[in-house]
Amino acid sequence: MINTYKTKKSKQYAVELFDLSSTSDVISHQQIHVNREIYEFMGVYWEPNHSKLAIHTLAKREIEFGKRDYSVDAKRMGIDIYEMTKDP
């Protein structure tokens, strides 16, 4: 699930990951911040062999600087890929 929180000027979005494999009382977790406006969160998918993570979202389309946007409320299906490492 994706968390939504507000700052002074805008909404921010973060995906929280929890490590349930440790046997200690403390569950370590990590937040991955998504730097665009999210309309719908599709899910998080793990790549089984190389510790890669894909976050699927329906988000607001980002317009490049100097380009015009002729569509109203443009959306895009997006995949953000991250590589996870274990840090002692």
PDB file of N, CA and C in Angstrom:
ATOM      1  N   MET A   1       0.840  -1.179   0.000  1.00  0.00           N
ATOM      2  CA  MET A   1       0.000   0.000   0.000  1.00  0.00           C
ATOM      3  C   MET A   1       0.886   1.244   0.000  1.00  0.00           C
ATOM      4  N   ILE A   2       0.397   2.284  -0.591  1.00  0.00           N
ATOM      5  CA  ILE A   2       1.161   3.519  -0.660  1.00  0.00           C
ATOM      6  C   ILE A   2       0.623   4.496   0.380  1.00  0.00           C
ATOM      7  N   ASN A   3       1.528   5.206   1.029  1.00  0.00           N
ATOM      8  CA  ASN A   3       1.144   6.203   2.028  1.00  0.00           C
ATOM      9  C   ASN A   3       1.138   7.586   1.401  1.00  0.00           C
ATOM     10  N   THR A   4       0.139   8.364   1.751  1.00  0.00           N
ATOM     11  CA  THR A   4       0.027   9.743   1.280  1.00  0.00           C
ATOM     12  C   THR A   4       0.155  10.664   2.484  1.00  0.00           C
ATOM     13  N   TYR A   5       1.008  11.659   2.375  1.00  0.00           N
ATOM     14  CA  TYR A   5       1.137  12.644   3.440  1.00  0.00           C
ATOM     15  C   TYR A   5       1.311  14.018   2.829  1.00  0.00           C
ATOM     16  N   LYS A   6       0.968  15.024   3.601  1.00  0.00           N
ATOM     17  CA  LYS A   6       1.005  16.394   3.095  1.00  0.00           C
ATOM     18  C   LYS A   6       2.192  17.145   3.675  1.00  0.00           C
ATOM     19  N   THR A   7       2.826  17.942   2.829  1.00  0.00           N
ATOM     20  CA  THR A   7       3.831  18.902   3.274  1.00  0.00           C
ATOM     21  C   THR A   7       3.171  20.274   3.208  1.00  0.00           C
ATOM     22  N   LYS A   8       3.920  21.318   3.381  1.00  0.00           N
ATOM     23  CA  LYS A   8       3.344  22.657   3.356  1.00  0.00           C
ATOM     24  C   LYS A   8       2.694  22.999   2.019  1.00  0.00           C
ATOM     25  N   LYS A   9       3.298  22.528   0.911  1.00  0.00           N
ATOM     26  CA  LYS A   9       2.830  22.947  -0.405  1.00  0.00           C
ATOM     27  C   LYS A   9       2.145  21.855  -1.218  1.00  0.00           C
ATOM     28  N   SER A  10       2.413  20.585  -0.947  1.00  0.00           N
ATOM     29  CA  SER A  10       1.890  19.548  -1.842  1.00  0.00           C
ATOM     30  C   SER A  10       1.729  18.220  -1.117  1.00  0.00           C
ATOM     31  N   LYS A  11       1.174  17.249  -1.838  1.00  0.00           N
ATOM     32  CA  LYS A  11       1.073  15.883  -1.353  1.00  0.00           C
ATOM     33  C   LYS A  11       2.337  15.131  -1.738  1.00  0.00           C
ATOM     34  N   GLN A  12       2.775  14.226  -0.877  1.00  0.00           N
ATOM     35  CA  GLN A  12       3.908  13.365  -1.157  1.00  0.00           C
ATOM     36  C   GLN A  12       3.444  11.926  -1.025  1.00  0.00           C
ATOM     37  N   TYR A  13       4.127  11.007  -1.714  1.00  0.00           N
ATOM     38  CA  TYR A  13       3.747   9.604  -1.720  1.00  0.00           C
ATOM     39  C   TYR A  13       4.962   8.753  -1.393  1.00  0.00           C
ATOM     40  N   ALA A  14       4.761   7.711  -0.576  1.00  0.00           N
ATOM     41  CA  ALA A  14       5.844   6.809  -0.207  1.00  0.00           C
ATOM     42  C   ALA A  14       5.317   5.389  -0.075  1.00  0.00           C
ATOM     43  N   VAL A  15       6.118   4.435  -0.547  1.00  0.00           N
ATOM     44  CA  VAL A  15       5.820   3.017  -0.386  1.00  0.00           C
ATOM     45  C   VAL A  15       6.684   2.519   0.763  1.00  0.00           C
ATOM     46  N   GLU A  16       6.079   1.820   1.731  1.00  0.00           N
ATOM     47  CA  GLU A  16       6.826   1.284   2.864  1.00  0.00           C
ATOM     48  C   GLU A  16       7.018  -0.208   2.690  1.00  0.00           C
ATOM     49  N   LEU A  17       8.253  -0.657   2.899  1.00  0.00           N
ATOM     50  CA  LEU A  17       8.602  -2.073   2.804  1.00  0.00           C
ATOM     51  C   LEU A  17       9.046  -2.556   4.178  1.00  0.00           C
ATOM     52  N   PHE A  18       8.568  -3.722   4.581  1.00  0.00           N
ATOM     53  CA  PHE A  18       8.894  -4.283   5.880  1.00  0.00           C
ATOM     54  C   PHE A  18       9.652  -5.590   5.709  1.00  0.00           C
ATOM     55  N   ASP A  19      10.688  -5.797   6.537  1.00  0.00           N
ATOM     56  CA  ASP A  19      11.473  -7.027   6.521  1.00  0.00           C
ATOM     57  C   ASP A  19      10.936  -7.947   7.611  1.00  0.00           C
ATOM     58  N   LEU A  20      10.196  -8.957   7.217  1.00  0.00           N
ATOM     59  CA  LEU A  20       9.607  -9.893   8.170  1.00  0.00           C
ATOM     60  C   LEU A  20      10.469 -11.131   8.372  1.00  0.00           C
ATOM     61  N   SER A  21      11.629 -11.195   7.722  1.00  0.00           N
ATOM     62  CA  SER A  21      12.482 -12.375   7.837  1.00  0.00           C
ATOM     63  C   SER A  21      13.348 -12.364   9.091  1.00  0.00           C
ATOM     64  N   SER A  22      13.549 -11.215   9.725  1.00  0.00           N
ATOM     65  CA  SER A  22      14.386 -11.163  10.919  1.00  0.00           C
ATOM     66  C   SER A  22      13.611 -11.709  12.116  1.00  0.00           C
ATOM     67  N   THR A  23      14.336 -12.292  13.055  1.00  0.00           N
ATOM     68  CA  THR A  23      13.705 -12.898  14.231  1.00  0.00           C
ATOM     69  C   THR A  23      13.702 -11.967  15.435  1.00  0.00           C
ATOM     70  N   SER A  24      14.232 -10.784  15.293  1.00  0.00           N
ATOM     71  CA  SER A  24      14.270  -9.853  16.424  1.00  0.00           C
ATOM     72  C   SER A  24      12.893  -9.219  16.626  1.00  0.00           C
ATOM     73  N   ASP A  25      12.737  -8.517  17.739  1.00  0.00           N
ATOM     74  CA  ASP A  25      11.468  -7.873  18.056  1.00  0.00           C
ATOM     75  C   ASP A  25      11.221  -6.643  17.192  1.00  0.00           C
ATOM     76  N   VAL A  26      12.281  -6.058  16.660  1.00  0.00           N
ATOM     77  CA  VAL A  26      12.155  -4.851  15.848  1.00  0.00           C
ATOM     78  C   VAL A  26      12.035  -5.248  14.380  1.00  0.00           C
ATOM     79  N   ILE A  27      11.022  -4.752  13.717  1.00  0.00           N
ATOM     80  CA  ILE A  27      10.836  -5.015  12.290  1.00  0.00           C
ATOM     81  C   ILE A  27      11.409  -3.831  11.523  1.00  0.00           C
ATOM     82  N   SER A  28      12.468  -4.092  10.770  1.00  0.00           N
ATOM     83  CA  SER A  28      13.072  -2.997  10.009  1.00  0.00           C
ATOM     84  C   SER A  28      12.214  -2.702   8.790  1.00  0.00           C
ATOM     85  N   HIS A  29      12.222  -1.446   8.399  1.00  0.00           N
ATOM     86  CA  HIS A  29      11.452  -1.058   7.218  1.00  0.00           C
ATOM     87  C   HIS A  29      12.173   0.056   6.479  1.00  0.00           C
ATOM     88  N   GLN A  30      11.744   0.262   5.251  1.00  0.00           N
ATOM     89  CA  GLN A  30      12.327   1.286   4.399  1.00  0.00           C
ATOM     90  C   GLN A  30      11.204   1.991   3.653  1.00  0.00           C
ATOM     91  N   GLN A  31      11.372   3.275   3.432  1.00  0.00           N
ATOM     92  CA  GLN A  31      10.407   4.041   2.657  1.00  0.00           C
ATOM     93  C   GLN A  31      11.016   4.411   1.316  1.00  0.00           C
ATOM     94  N   ILE A  32      10.240   4.212   0.259  1.00  0.00           N
ATOM     95  CA  ILE A  32      10.644   4.627  -1.078  1.00  0.00           C
ATOM     96  C   ILE A  32       9.690   5.739  -1.493  1.00  0.00           C
ATOM     97  N   HIS A  33      10.234   6.928  -1.725  1.00  0.00           N
ATOM     98  CA  HIS A  33       9.420   8.087  -2.085  1.00  0.00           C
ATOM     99  C   HIS A  33       9.225   8.132  -3.598  1.00  0.00           C
ATOM    100  N   VAL A  34       7.981   8.325  -4.013  1.00  0.00           N
ATOM    101  CA  VAL A  34       7.637   8.455  -5.430  1.00  0.00           C
ATOM    102  C   VAL A  34       7.399   9.936  -5.685  1.00  0.00           C
ATOM    103  N   ASN A  35       8.149  10.510  -6.610  1.00  0.00           N
ATOM    104  CA  ASN A  35       8.156  11.965  -6.800  1.00  0.00           C
ATOM    105  C   ASN A  35       7.184  12.450  -7.864  1.00  0.00           C
ATOM    106  N   ARG A  36       5.964  11.971  -7.846  1.00  0.00           N
ATOM    107  CA  ARG A  36       4.926  12.483  -8.739  1.00  0.00           C
ATOM    108  C   ARG A  36       3.567  12.199  -8.103  1.00  0.00           C
ATOM    109  N   GLU A  37       2.543  12.822  -8.633  1.00  0.00           N
ATOM    110  CA  GLU A  37       1.202  12.660  -8.090  1.00  0.00           C
ATOM    111  C   GLU A  37       0.626  11.313  -8.530  1.00  0.00           C
ATOM    112  N   ILE A  38       0.195  10.499  -7.560  1.00  0.00           N
ATOM    113  CA  ILE A  38      -0.311   9.153  -7.817  1.00  0.00           C
ATOM    114  C   ILE A  38      -1.834   9.173  -7.780  1.00  0.00           C
ATOM    115  N   TYR A  39      -2.458   8.642  -8.835  1.00  0.00           N
ATOM    116  CA  TYR A  39      -3.913   8.506  -8.868  1.00  0.00           C
ATOM    117  C   TYR A  39      -4.345   7.125  -8.376  1.00  0.00           C
ATOM    118  N   GLU A  40      -3.598   6.092  -8.787  1.00  0.00           N
ATOM    119  CA  GLU A  40      -3.942   4.727  -8.397  1.00  0.00           C
ATOM    120  C   GLU A  40      -2.663   3.918  -8.218  1.00  0.00           C
ATOM    121  N   PHE A  41      -2.589   3.170  -7.128  1.00  0.00           N
ATOM    122  CA  PHE A  41      -1.441   2.319  -6.819  1.00  0.00           C
ATOM    123  C   PHE A  41      -1.788   0.892  -7.216  1.00  0.00           C
ATOM    124  N   MET A  42      -1.034   0.314  -8.150  1.00  0.00           N
ATOM    125  CA  MET A  42      -1.332  -1.028  -8.651  1.00  0.00           C
ATOM    126  C   MET A  42      -0.699  -2.124  -7.803  1.00  0.00           C
ATOM    127  N   GLY A  43       0.523  -1.897  -7.337  1.00  0.00           N
ATOM    128  CA  GLY A  43       1.172  -2.920  -6.518  1.00  0.00           C
ATOM    129  C   GLY A  43       2.681  -2.844  -6.561  1.00  0.00           C
ATOM    130  N   VAL A  44       3.297  -3.686  -5.726  1.00  0.00           N
ATOM    131  CA  VAL A  44       4.751  -3.824  -5.653  1.00  0.00           C
ATOM    132  C   VAL A  44       5.080  -5.262  -6.024  1.00  0.00           C
ATOM    133  N   TYR A  45       6.033  -5.443  -6.928  1.00  0.00           N
ATOM    134  CA  TYR A  45       6.401  -6.770  -7.394  1.00  0.00           C
ATOM    135  C   TYR A  45       7.903  -6.961  -7.248  1.00  0.00           C
ATOM    136  N   TRP A  46       8.309  -8.122  -6.705  1.00  0.00           N
ATOM    137  CA  TRP A  46       9.712  -8.460  -6.496  1.00  0.00           C
ATOM    138  C   TRP A  46      10.211  -9.312  -7.640  1.00  0.00           C
ATOM    139  N   GLU A  47      11.438  -9.049  -8.086  1.00  0.00           N
ATOM    140  CA  GLU A  47      12.118  -9.896  -9.058  1.00  0.00           C
ATOM    141  C   GLU A  47      12.792 -10.988  -8.235  1.00  0.00           C
ATOM    142  N   PRO A  48      12.586 -12.259  -8.532  1.00  0.00           N
ATOM    143  CA  PRO A  48      12.988 -13.321  -7.616  1.00  0.00           C
ATOM    144  C   PRO A  48      14.481 -13.575  -7.469  1.00  0.00           C
ATOM    145  N   ASN A  49      15.305 -13.189  -8.439  1.00  0.00           N
ATOM    146  CA  ASN A  49      16.715 -13.591  -8.381  1.00  0.00           C
ATOM    147  C   ASN A  49      17.705 -12.483  -8.037  1.00  0.00           C
ATOM    148  N   HIS A  50      17.390 -11.227  -8.320  1.00  0.00           N
ATOM    149  CA  HIS A  50      18.414 -10.189  -8.202  1.00  0.00           C
ATOM    150  C   HIS A  50      18.009  -9.020  -7.313  1.00  0.00           C
ATOM    151  N   SER A  51      17.080  -9.202  -6.401  1.00  0.00           N
ATOM    152  CA  SER A  51      16.668  -8.185  -5.423  1.00  0.00           C
ATOM    153  C   SER A  51      16.211  -6.882  -6.071  1.00  0.00           C
ATOM    154  N   LYS A  52      15.490  -6.983  -7.143  1.00  0.00           N
ATOM    155  CA  LYS A  52      14.931  -5.788  -7.771  1.00  0.00           C
ATOM    156  C   LYS A  52      13.451  -5.691  -7.424  1.00  0.00           C
ATOM    157  N   LEU A  53      12.957  -4.474  -7.401  1.00  0.00           N
ATOM    158  CA  LEU A  53      11.601  -4.184  -6.982  1.00  0.00           C
ATOM    159  C   LEU A  53      10.961  -3.268  -8.015  1.00  0.00           C
ATOM    160  N   ALA A  54       9.713  -3.549  -8.404  1.00  0.00           N
ATOM    161  CA  ALA A  54       8.988  -2.705  -9.348  1.00  0.00           C
ATOM    162  C   ALA A  54       7.732  -2.178  -8.677  1.00  0.00           C
ATOM    163  N   ILE A  55       7.508  -0.870  -8.777  1.00  0.00           N
ATOM    164  CA  ILE A  55       6.318  -0.229  -8.235  1.00  0.00           C
ATOM    165  C   ILE A  55       5.463   0.216  -9.424  1.00  0.00           C
ATOM    166  N   HIS A  56       4.237  -0.326  -9.523  1.00  0.00           N
ATOM    167  CA  HIS A  56       3.324  -0.020 -10.631  1.00  0.00           C
ATOM    168  C   HIS A  56       2.304   1.011 -10.159  1.00  0.00           C
ATOM    169  N   THR A  57       2.167   2.110 -10.920  1.00  0.00           N
ATOM    170  CA  THR A  57       1.239   3.174 -10.553  1.00  0.00           C
ATOM    171  C   THR A  57       0.575   3.776 -11.783  1.00  0.00           C
ATOM    172  N   LEU A  58      -0.563   4.409 -11.550  1.00  0.00           N
ATOM    173  CA  LEU A  58      -1.181   5.297 -12.519  1.00  0.00           C
ATOM    174  C   LEU A  58      -0.949   6.692 -11.962  1.00  0.00           C
ATOM    175  N   ALA A  59      -0.139   7.489 -12.655  1.00  0.00           N
ATOM    176  CA  ALA A  59       0.303   8.770 -12.112  1.00  0.00           C
ATOM    177  C   ALA A  59       0.078   9.897 -13.111  1.00  0.00           C
ATOM    178  N   LYS A  60       0.219  11.104 -12.602  1.00  0.00           N
ATOM    179  CA  LYS A  60       0.138  12.284 -13.459  1.00  0.00           C
ATOM    180  C   LYS A  60       1.350  12.302 -14.380  1.00  0.00           C
ATOM    181  N   ARG A  61       1.109  12.550 -15.656  1.00  0.00           N
ATOM    182  CA  ARG A  61       2.202  12.596 -16.619  1.00  0.00           C
ATOM    183  C   ARG A  61       3.041  13.840 -16.394  1.00  0.00           C
ATOM    184  N   GLU A  62       4.338  13.673 -16.413  1.00  0.00           N
ATOM    185  CA  GLU A  62       5.261  14.788 -16.233  1.00  0.00           C
ATOM    186  C   GLU A  62       5.577  15.400 -17.588  1.00  0.00           C
ATOM    187  N   ILE A  63       5.500  16.704 -17.665  1.00  0.00           N
ATOM    188  CA  ILE A  63       5.774  17.425 -18.905  1.00  0.00           C
ATOM    189  C   ILE A  63       7.189  17.994 -18.826  1.00  0.00           C
ATOM    190  N   GLU A  64       7.944  17.807 -19.890  1.00  0.00           N
ATOM    191  CA  GLU A  64       9.302  18.328 -19.937  1.00  0.00           C
ATOM    192  C   GLU A  64       9.293  19.853 -19.966  1.00  0.00           C
ATOM    193  N   PHE A  65      10.334  20.450 -19.411  1.00  0.00           N
ATOM    194  CA  PHE A  65      10.448  21.895 -19.372  1.00  0.00           C
ATOM    195  C   PHE A  65      10.498  22.442 -20.804  1.00  0.00           C
ATOM    196  N   GLY A  66       9.708  23.471 -21.078  1.00  0.00           N
ATOM    197  CA  GLY A  66       9.680  24.101 -22.387  1.00  0.00           C
ATOM    198  C   GLY A  66       8.686  23.493 -23.353  1.00  0.00           C
ATOM    199  N   LYS A  67       8.048  22.388 -22.985  1.00  0.00           N
ATOM    200  CA  LYS A  67       7.056  21.757 -23.853  1.00  0.00           C
ATOM    201  C   LYS A  67       5.659  22.144 -23.393  1.00  0.00           C
ATOM    202  N   ARG A  68       4.718  22.130 -24.298  1.00  0.00           N
ATOM    203  CA  ARG A  68       3.332  22.469 -23.972  1.00  0.00           C
ATOM    204  C   ARG A  68       2.521  21.203 -23.739  1.00  0.00           C
ATOM    205  N   ASP A  69       1.554  21.304 -22.855  1.00  0.00           N
ATOM    206  CA  ASP A  69       0.662  20.192 -22.565  1.00  0.00           C
ATOM    207  C   ASP A  69      -0.714  20.536 -23.134  1.00  0.00           C
ATOM    208  N   TYR A  70      -1.116  19.834 -24.197  1.00  0.00           N
ATOM    209  CA  TYR A  70      -2.398  20.108 -24.837  1.00  0.00           C
ATOM    210  C   TYR A  70      -3.521  19.226 -24.299  1.00  0.00           C
ATOM    211  N   SER A  71      -3.197  18.306 -23.426  1.00  0.00           N
ATOM    212  CA  SER A  71      -4.227  17.439 -22.850  1.00  0.00           C
ATOM    213  C   SER A  71      -4.549  17.906 -21.429  1.00  0.00           C
ATOM    214  N   VAL A  72      -5.758  17.605 -21.003  1.00  0.00           N
ATOM    215  CA  VAL A  72      -6.197  17.992 -19.669  1.00  0.00           C
ATOM    216  C   VAL A  72      -6.083  16.777 -18.763  1.00  0.00           C
ATOM    217  N   ASP A  73      -5.384  16.940 -17.645  1.00  0.00           N
ATOM    218  CA  ASP A  73      -5.251  15.887 -16.639  1.00  0.00           C
ATOM    219  C   ASP A  73      -4.676  14.602 -17.246  1.00  0.00           C
ATOM    220  N   ALA A  74      -3.531  14.722 -17.930  1.00  0.00           N
ATOM    221  CA  ALA A  74      -2.904  13.573 -18.576  1.00  0.00           C
ATOM    222  C   ALA A  74      -2.356  12.604 -17.534  1.00  0.00           C
ATOM    223  N   LYS A  75      -2.588  11.303 -17.759  1.00  0.00           N
ATOM    224  CA  LYS A  75      -2.143  10.256 -16.848  1.00  0.00           C
ATOM    225  C   LYS A  75      -1.274   9.274 -17.603  1.00  0.00           C
ATOM    226  N   ARG A  76      -0.449   8.543 -16.861  1.00  0.00           N
ATOM    227  CA  ARG A  76       0.396   7.527 -17.466  1.00  0.00           C
ATOM    228  C   ARG A  76       0.513   6.334 -16.544  1.00  0.00           C
ATOM    229  N   MET A  77       0.527   5.129 -17.150  1.00  0.00           N
ATOM    230  CA  MET A  77       0.827   3.916 -16.399  1.00  0.00           C
ATOM    231  C   MET A  77       2.338   3.856 -16.297  1.00  0.00           C
ATOM    232  N   GLY A  78       2.833   3.718 -15.077  1.00  0.00           N
ATOM    233  CA  GLY A  78       4.271   3.762 -14.907  1.00  0.00           C
ATOM    234  C   GLY A  78       4.813   2.635 -14.058  1.00  0.00           C
ATOM    235  N   ILE A  79       6.063   2.307 -14.306  1.00  0.00           N
ATOM    236  CA  ILE A  79       6.785   1.311 -13.527  1.00  0.00           C
ATOM    237  C   ILE A  79       8.090   1.955 -13.085  1.00  0.00           C
ATOM    238  N   ASP A  80       8.297   2.007 -11.785  1.00  0.00           N
ATOM    239  CA  ASP A  80       9.565   2.478 -11.227  1.00  0.00           C
ATOM    240  C   ASP A  80      10.314   1.256 -10.720  1.00  0.00           C
ATOM    241  N   ILE A  81      11.572   1.089 -11.126  1.00  0.00           N
ATOM    242  CA  ILE A  81      12.363  -0.081 -10.755  1.00  0.00           C
ATOM    243  C   ILE A  81      13.479   0.348  -9.813  1.00  0.00           C
ATOM    244  N   TYR A  82      13.613  -0.395  -8.715  1.00  0.00           N
ATOM    245  CA  TYR A  82      14.628  -0.123  -7.704  1.00  0.00           C
ATOM    246  C   TYR A  82      15.402  -1.406  -7.440  1.00  0.00           C
ATOM    247  N   GLU A  83      16.660  -1.257  -7.011  1.00  0.00           N
ATOM    248  CA  GLU A  83      17.468  -2.419  -6.613  1.00  0.00           C
ATOM    249  C   GLU A  83      17.694  -2.334  -5.112  1.00  0.00           C
ATOM    250  N   MET A  84      17.380  -3.416  -4.429  1.00  0.00           N
ATOM    251  CA  MET A  84      17.476  -3.446  -2.978  1.00  0.00           C
ATOM    252  C   MET A  84      18.806  -4.072  -2.572  1.00  0.00           C
ATOM    253  N   THR A  85      19.454  -3.507  -1.566  1.00  0.00           N
ATOM    254  CA  THR A  85      20.681  -4.057  -1.017  1.00  0.00           C
ATOM    255  C   THR A  85      20.523  -4.206   0.485  1.00  0.00           C
ATOM    256  N   LYS A  86      21.254  -5.130   1.062  1.00  0.00           N
ATOM    257  CA  LYS A  86      21.182  -5.344   2.498  1.00  0.00           C
ATOM    258  C   LYS A  86      22.326  -4.576   3.145  1.00  0.00           C
ATOM    259  N   ASP A  87      21.996  -3.688   4.075  1.00  0.00           N
ATOM    260  CA  ASP A  87      22.966  -2.844   4.752  1.00  0.00           C
ATOM    261  C   ASP A  87      22.977  -3.216   6.237  1.00  0.00           C
ATOM    262  N   PRO A  88      24.106  -3.678   6.755  1.00  0.00           N
ATOM    263  CA  PRO A  88      24.135  -4.076   8.160  1.00  0.00           C
ATOM    264  C   PRO A  88      23.981  -2.879   9.069  1.00  0.00           C
TER     265      PRO A  88
END
